[in-house]
Amino acid sequence: MTLVLINCSVSNSKQNNNITTNNAECLENLDFKKEYFFHIGVIDSLVEKSQNKRFKKSLLFISKYSHVSTESMLNYARSYPIVVYKEDRKGWISWYEKNKCNNIQFKK
């Protein structure tokens, strides 16, 4: 009788340009992380200044993944209230922390 052993292990220490494997359970898409936090930064920098097209584009991007209280913008000034923004922002960060190890992909 002949015994043949085949090694079918996969290395979890590989790194790609856009995916980091910290352990067997975490696959973080670094390209997504960069883009997601870029848009949060745009919102951070413009929420008290100029809620322009760039601001709204970033809100739209974030809203594809996490809750944005767009109904709060149905006010006379059509602006995103600071109090609502601060609460939403906590949710955006929380959403990312909960989902970062799932190799988040961009939605079209």
N, C-alpha and C. Protein backbone atom coordinates (compact mmCIF):
# COMPACT_ATOMS: atom_id res chain seq x y z
N MET A 1 0.84 -1.16 0.00
CA MET A 1 0.00 0.00 0.00
C MET A 1 0.90 1.24 0.00
N THR A 2 0.57 2.19 -0.84
CA THR A 2 1.33 3.42 -0.95
C THR A 2 0.50 4.58 -0.39
N LEU A 3 1.13 5.36 0.42
CA LEU A 3 0.46 6.51 1.03
C LEU A 3 0.98 7.79 0.39
N VAL A 4 0.07 8.58 -0.16
CA VAL A 4 0.46 9.83 -0.81
C VAL A 4 -0.20 10.98 -0.04
N LEU A 5 0.61 11.91 0.37
CA LEU A 5 0.10 13.09 1.07
C LEU A 5 0.27 14.31 0.16
N ILE A 6 -0.80 15.04 0.04
CA ILE A 6 -0.76 16.25 -0.80
C ILE A 6 -1.02 17.45 0.09
N ASN A 7 -0.17 18.43 -0.02
CA ASN A 7 -0.31 19.64 0.77
C ASN A 7 -1.15 20.65 -0.01
N CYS A 8 -2.32 20.96 0.51
CA CYS A 8 -3.23 21.88 -0.15
C CYS A 8 -3.41 23.16 0.65
N SER A 9 -2.41 23.56 1.37
CA SER A 9 -2.56 24.76 2.19
C SER A 9 -2.41 26.02 1.34
N VAL A 10 -3.05 27.06 1.80
CA VAL A 10 -3.00 28.36 1.14
C VAL A 10 -2.37 29.34 2.10
N SER A 11 -1.42 30.08 1.61
CA SER A 11 -0.74 31.05 2.47
C SER A 11 -1.62 32.27 2.71
N ASN A 12 -1.78 32.66 3.97
CA ASN A 12 -2.56 33.83 4.33
C ASN A 12 -1.69 35.06 4.50
N SER A 13 -0.41 34.95 4.21
CA SER A 13 0.46 36.10 4.40
C SER A 13 0.66 36.90 3.13
N LYS A 14 -0.02 36.52 2.04
CA LYS A 14 0.11 37.23 0.78
C LYS A 14 -0.52 38.61 0.88
N GLN A 15 0.10 39.57 0.22
CA GLN A 15 -0.47 40.90 0.13
C GLN A 15 -0.56 41.28 -1.33
N ASN A 16 -1.70 41.87 -1.69
CA ASN A 16 -1.94 42.38 -3.02
C ASN A 16 -1.93 43.89 -2.90
N ASN A 17 -1.95 44.60 -4.02
CA ASN A 17 -2.00 46.06 -3.97
C ASN A 17 -3.26 46.57 -3.31
N ASN A 18 -4.34 45.83 -3.41
CA ASN A 18 -5.60 46.35 -2.89
C ASN A 18 -6.25 45.45 -1.84
N ILE A 19 -5.61 44.37 -1.44
CA ILE A 19 -6.20 43.49 -0.44
C ILE A 19 -5.13 43.11 0.57
N THR A 20 -5.45 43.24 1.83
CA THR A 20 -4.54 42.83 2.89
C THR A 20 -5.19 41.72 3.68
N THR A 21 -4.43 40.66 3.91
CA THR A 21 -4.92 39.56 4.72
C THR A 21 -4.19 39.61 6.05
N ASN A 22 -4.86 40.08 7.08
CA ASN A 22 -4.24 40.18 8.40
C ASN A 22 -4.24 38.83 9.10
N ASN A 23 -5.28 38.08 8.90
CA ASN A 23 -5.37 36.74 9.45
C ASN A 23 -6.31 35.95 8.55
N ALA A 24 -6.58 34.74 8.91
CA ALA A 24 -7.40 33.88 8.06
C ALA A 24 -8.83 34.41 7.90
N GLU A 25 -9.27 35.29 8.77
CA GLU A 25 -10.65 35.75 8.74
C GLU A 25 -10.81 37.17 8.22
N CYS A 26 -9.75 37.90 7.92
CA CYS A 26 -9.87 39.30 7.53
C CYS A 26 -9.24 39.58 6.17
N LEU A 27 -10.08 39.97 5.24
CA LEU A 27 -9.64 40.36 3.90
C LEU A 27 -10.09 41.80 3.69
N GLU A 28 -9.20 42.76 3.88
CA GLU A 28 -9.54 44.17 3.80
C GLU A 28 -9.13 44.73 2.44
N ASN A 29 -10.08 45.32 1.73
CA ASN A 29 -9.82 45.95 0.44
C ASN A 29 -9.31 47.37 0.69
N LEU A 30 -8.00 47.55 0.55
CA LEU A 30 -7.39 48.83 0.87
C LEU A 30 -7.76 49.93 -0.13
N ASP A 31 -8.05 49.55 -1.39
CA ASP A 31 -8.52 50.55 -2.36
C ASP A 31 -9.87 51.10 -1.93
N PHE A 32 -10.74 50.22 -1.47
CA PHE A 32 -12.05 50.67 -0.99
C PHE A 32 -11.88 51.55 0.24
N LYS A 33 -11.05 51.13 1.17
CA LYS A 33 -10.82 51.90 2.40
C LYS A 33 -10.36 53.31 2.07
N LYS A 34 -9.41 53.42 1.17
CA LYS A 34 -8.87 54.72 0.76
C LYS A 34 -9.99 55.60 0.19
N GLU A 35 -10.79 55.06 -0.70
CA GLU A 35 -11.88 55.81 -1.34
C GLU A 35 -12.95 56.19 -0.32
N TYR A 36 -13.34 55.27 0.52
CA TYR A 36 -14.39 55.49 1.51
C TYR A 36 -13.99 56.64 2.45
N PHE A 37 -12.77 56.57 2.98
CA PHE A 37 -12.32 57.60 3.91
C PHE A 37 -11.98 58.91 3.20
N PHE A 38 -11.64 58.85 1.92
CA PHE A 38 -11.47 60.08 1.14
C PHE A 38 -12.80 60.85 1.12
N HIS A 39 -13.90 60.14 0.85
CA HIS A 39 -15.20 60.80 0.78
C HIS A 39 -15.65 61.31 2.15
N ILE A 40 -15.35 60.58 3.19
CA ILE A 40 -15.66 61.08 4.54
C ILE A 40 -14.87 62.37 4.78
N GLY A 41 -13.62 62.41 4.35
CA GLY A 41 -12.79 63.60 4.49
C GLY A 41 -13.35 64.80 3.74
N VAL A 42 -13.87 64.55 2.54
CA VAL A 42 -14.50 65.63 1.76
C VAL A 42 -15.69 66.19 2.54
N ILE A 43 -16.51 65.30 3.05
CA ILE A 43 -17.68 65.73 3.83
C ILE A 43 -17.23 66.49 5.07
N ASP A 44 -16.23 65.97 5.77
CA ASP A 44 -15.70 66.64 6.96
C ASP A 44 -15.27 68.07 6.64
N SER A 45 -14.60 68.25 5.51
CA SER A 45 -14.04 69.56 5.19
C SER A 45 -15.06 70.55 4.65
N LEU A 46 -16.18 70.07 4.12
CA LEU A 46 -17.14 70.97 3.49
C LEU A 46 -18.46 71.13 4.24
N VAL A 47 -18.72 70.32 5.25
CA VAL A 47 -20.03 70.35 5.92
C VAL A 47 -20.34 71.72 6.53
N GLU A 48 -19.33 72.41 7.01
CA GLU A 48 -19.55 73.73 7.61
C GLU A 48 -19.20 74.87 6.65
N LYS A 49 -18.80 74.55 5.45
CA LYS A 49 -18.37 75.59 4.51
C LYS A 49 -19.31 75.65 3.31
N SER A 50 -19.05 74.77 2.35
CA SER A 50 -19.78 74.82 1.09
C SER A 50 -20.29 73.43 0.74
N GLN A 51 -21.56 73.22 0.94
CA GLN A 51 -22.14 71.92 0.62
C GLN A 51 -22.48 71.90 -0.88
N ASN A 52 -21.41 71.82 -1.67
CA ASN A 52 -21.50 71.93 -3.12
C ASN A 52 -21.65 70.56 -3.79
N LYS A 53 -21.44 70.53 -5.10
CA LYS A 53 -21.57 69.27 -5.86
C LYS A 53 -20.60 68.22 -5.36
N ARG A 54 -19.39 68.62 -5.05
CA ARG A 54 -18.38 67.68 -4.55
C ARG A 54 -18.85 67.07 -3.23
N PHE A 55 -19.40 67.89 -2.36
CA PHE A 55 -19.94 67.45 -1.08
C PHE A 55 -21.06 66.43 -1.30
N LYS A 56 -21.98 66.76 -2.18
CA LYS A 56 -23.11 65.88 -2.45
C LYS A 56 -22.67 64.58 -3.12
N LYS A 57 -21.66 64.65 -3.97
CA LYS A 57 -21.11 63.44 -4.60
C LYS A 57 -20.54 62.50 -3.55
N SER A 58 -19.87 63.06 -2.56
CA SER A 58 -19.30 62.24 -1.48
C SER A 58 -20.40 61.65 -0.61
N LEU A 59 -21.45 62.41 -0.33
CA LEU A 59 -22.58 61.87 0.42
C LEU A 59 -23.22 60.71 -0.34
N LEU A 60 -23.35 60.87 -1.64
CA LEU A 60 -23.94 59.82 -2.47
C LEU A 60 -23.08 58.56 -2.42
N PHE A 61 -21.77 58.71 -2.50
CA PHE A 61 -20.87 57.56 -2.42
C PHE A 61 -21.06 56.83 -1.09
N ILE A 62 -21.02 57.57 0.02
CA ILE A 62 -21.16 56.97 1.34
C ILE A 62 -22.52 56.28 1.48
N SER A 63 -23.56 56.90 0.91
CA SER A 63 -24.92 56.35 1.05
C SER A 63 -25.11 55.01 0.35
N LYS A 64 -24.20 54.65 -0.54
CA LYS A 64 -24.28 53.34 -1.19
C LYS A 64 -23.93 52.21 -0.22
N TYR A 65 -23.24 52.57 0.87
CA TYR A 65 -22.74 51.56 1.80
C TYR A 65 -23.29 51.71 3.21
N SER A 66 -23.51 52.92 3.64
CA SER A 66 -23.93 53.19 5.00
C SER A 66 -25.04 54.24 5.00
N HIS A 67 -25.75 54.32 6.10
CA HIS A 67 -26.90 55.23 6.19
C HIS A 67 -26.47 56.70 6.18
N VAL A 68 -27.13 57.49 5.35
CA VAL A 68 -26.99 58.94 5.33
C VAL A 68 -28.40 59.50 5.51
N SER A 69 -28.57 60.36 6.48
CA SER A 69 -29.90 60.92 6.78
C SER A 69 -30.27 62.01 5.76
N THR A 70 -30.53 61.59 4.55
CA THR A 70 -30.86 62.56 3.49
C THR A 70 -32.16 63.30 3.77
N GLU A 71 -33.06 62.68 4.50
CA GLU A 71 -34.32 63.34 4.83
C GLU A 71 -34.09 64.60 5.66
N SER A 72 -32.97 64.66 6.37
CA SER A 72 -32.66 65.84 7.17
C SER A 72 -32.32 67.05 6.29
N MET A 73 -32.02 66.80 5.02
CA MET A 73 -31.68 67.88 4.10
C MET A 73 -32.91 68.51 3.46
N LEU A 74 -34.07 68.05 3.86
CA LEU A 74 -35.31 68.61 3.33
C LEU A 74 -35.72 69.83 4.16
N ASN A 75 -34.76 70.67 4.46
CA ASN A 75 -35.03 71.88 5.21
C ASN A 75 -34.99 73.08 4.26
N TYR A 76 -35.29 74.23 4.76
CA TYR A 76 -35.37 75.44 3.94
C TYR A 76 -34.05 75.71 3.20
N ALA A 77 -32.94 75.51 3.88
CA ALA A 77 -31.63 75.79 3.28
C ALA A 77 -31.11 74.64 2.43
N ARG A 78 -31.80 73.50 2.46
CA ARG A 78 -31.36 72.29 1.74
C ARG A 78 -29.92 71.91 2.11
N SER A 79 -29.63 72.04 3.40
CA SER A 79 -28.28 71.72 3.88
C SER A 79 -28.33 70.54 4.83
N TYR A 80 -27.17 69.96 5.04
CA TYR A 80 -27.00 68.80 5.91
C TYR A 80 -26.67 69.33 7.30
N PRO A 81 -27.59 69.25 8.24
CA PRO A 81 -27.36 69.80 9.59
C PRO A 81 -26.16 69.14 10.28
N ILE A 82 -25.36 69.95 10.96
CA ILE A 82 -24.15 69.48 11.63
C ILE A 82 -24.46 68.38 12.64
N VAL A 83 -25.51 68.55 13.42
CA VAL A 83 -25.86 67.57 14.44
C VAL A 83 -26.16 66.21 13.80
N VAL A 84 -26.88 66.22 12.69
CA VAL A 84 -27.21 64.98 11.98
C VAL A 84 -25.94 64.38 11.37
N TYR A 85 -25.12 65.22 10.79
CA TYR A 85 -23.86 64.78 10.19
C TYR A 85 -22.99 64.05 11.23
N LYS A 86 -22.85 64.64 12.41
CA LYS A 86 -22.00 64.04 13.44
C LYS A 86 -22.50 62.66 13.84
N GLU A 87 -23.80 62.51 13.93
CA GLU A 87 -24.39 61.21 14.28
C GLU A 87 -24.21 60.21 13.13
N ASP A 88 -24.47 60.65 11.90
CA ASP A 88 -24.28 59.78 10.73
C ASP A 88 -22.83 59.34 10.61
N ARG A 89 -21.91 60.27 10.84
CA ARG A 89 -20.48 59.97 10.70
C ARG A 89 -20.06 58.82 11.62
N LYS A 90 -20.57 58.82 12.84
CA LYS A 90 -20.28 57.72 13.77
C LYS A 90 -20.74 56.39 13.16
N GLY A 91 -21.90 56.41 12.52
CA GLY A 91 -22.42 55.22 11.87
C GLY A 91 -21.57 54.77 10.70
N TRP A 92 -21.02 55.74 9.93
CA TRP A 92 -20.17 55.40 8.78
C TRP A 92 -18.91 54.68 9.24
N ILE A 93 -18.30 55.21 10.30
CA ILE A 93 -17.08 54.60 10.83
C ILE A 93 -17.39 53.22 11.40
N SER A 94 -18.48 53.13 12.13
CA SER A 94 -18.91 51.85 12.71
C SER A 94 -19.18 50.82 11.62
N TRP A 95 -19.87 51.23 10.55
CA TRP A 95 -20.17 50.33 9.44
C TRP A 95 -18.86 49.79 8.85
N TYR A 96 -17.90 50.69 8.63
CA TYR A 96 -16.64 50.25 8.04
C TYR A 96 -15.92 49.25 8.96
N GLU A 97 -15.85 49.56 10.23
CA GLU A 97 -15.17 48.66 11.18
C GLU A 97 -15.83 47.28 11.22
N LYS A 98 -17.14 47.24 11.12
CA LYS A 98 -17.86 45.96 11.15
C LYS A 98 -17.67 45.16 9.86
N ASN A 99 -17.46 45.84 8.75
CA ASN A 99 -17.43 45.18 7.45
C ASN A 99 -16.07 45.11 6.76
N LYS A 100 -15.05 45.73 7.32
CA LYS A 100 -13.77 45.85 6.63
C LYS A 100 -13.12 44.51 6.28
N CYS A 101 -13.38 43.50 7.05
CA CYS A 101 -12.76 42.19 6.80
C CYS A 101 -13.51 41.35 5.77
N ASN A 102 -14.52 41.93 5.15
CA ASN A 102 -15.33 41.20 4.18
C ASN A 102 -14.94 41.51 2.73
N ASN A 103 -13.76 42.05 2.51
CA ASN A 103 -13.31 42.39 1.15
C ASN A 103 -14.38 43.22 0.43
N ILE A 104 -14.76 44.35 1.00
CA ILE A 104 -15.83 45.21 0.47
C ILE A 104 -15.49 45.59 -0.97
N GLN A 105 -16.47 45.46 -1.84
CA GLN A 105 -16.30 45.80 -3.25
C GLN A 105 -17.09 47.06 -3.58
N PHE A 106 -16.63 47.79 -4.59
CA PHE A 106 -17.32 49.01 -5.03
C PHE A 106 -18.62 48.65 -5.70
N LYS A 107 -19.67 49.41 -5.37
CA LYS A 107 -20.96 49.26 -6.04
C LYS A 107 -21.00 50.24 -7.20
N LYS A 108 -21.67 49.85 -8.24
CA LYS A 108 -21.76 50.74 -9.42
C LYS A 108 -23.00 51.59 -9.36
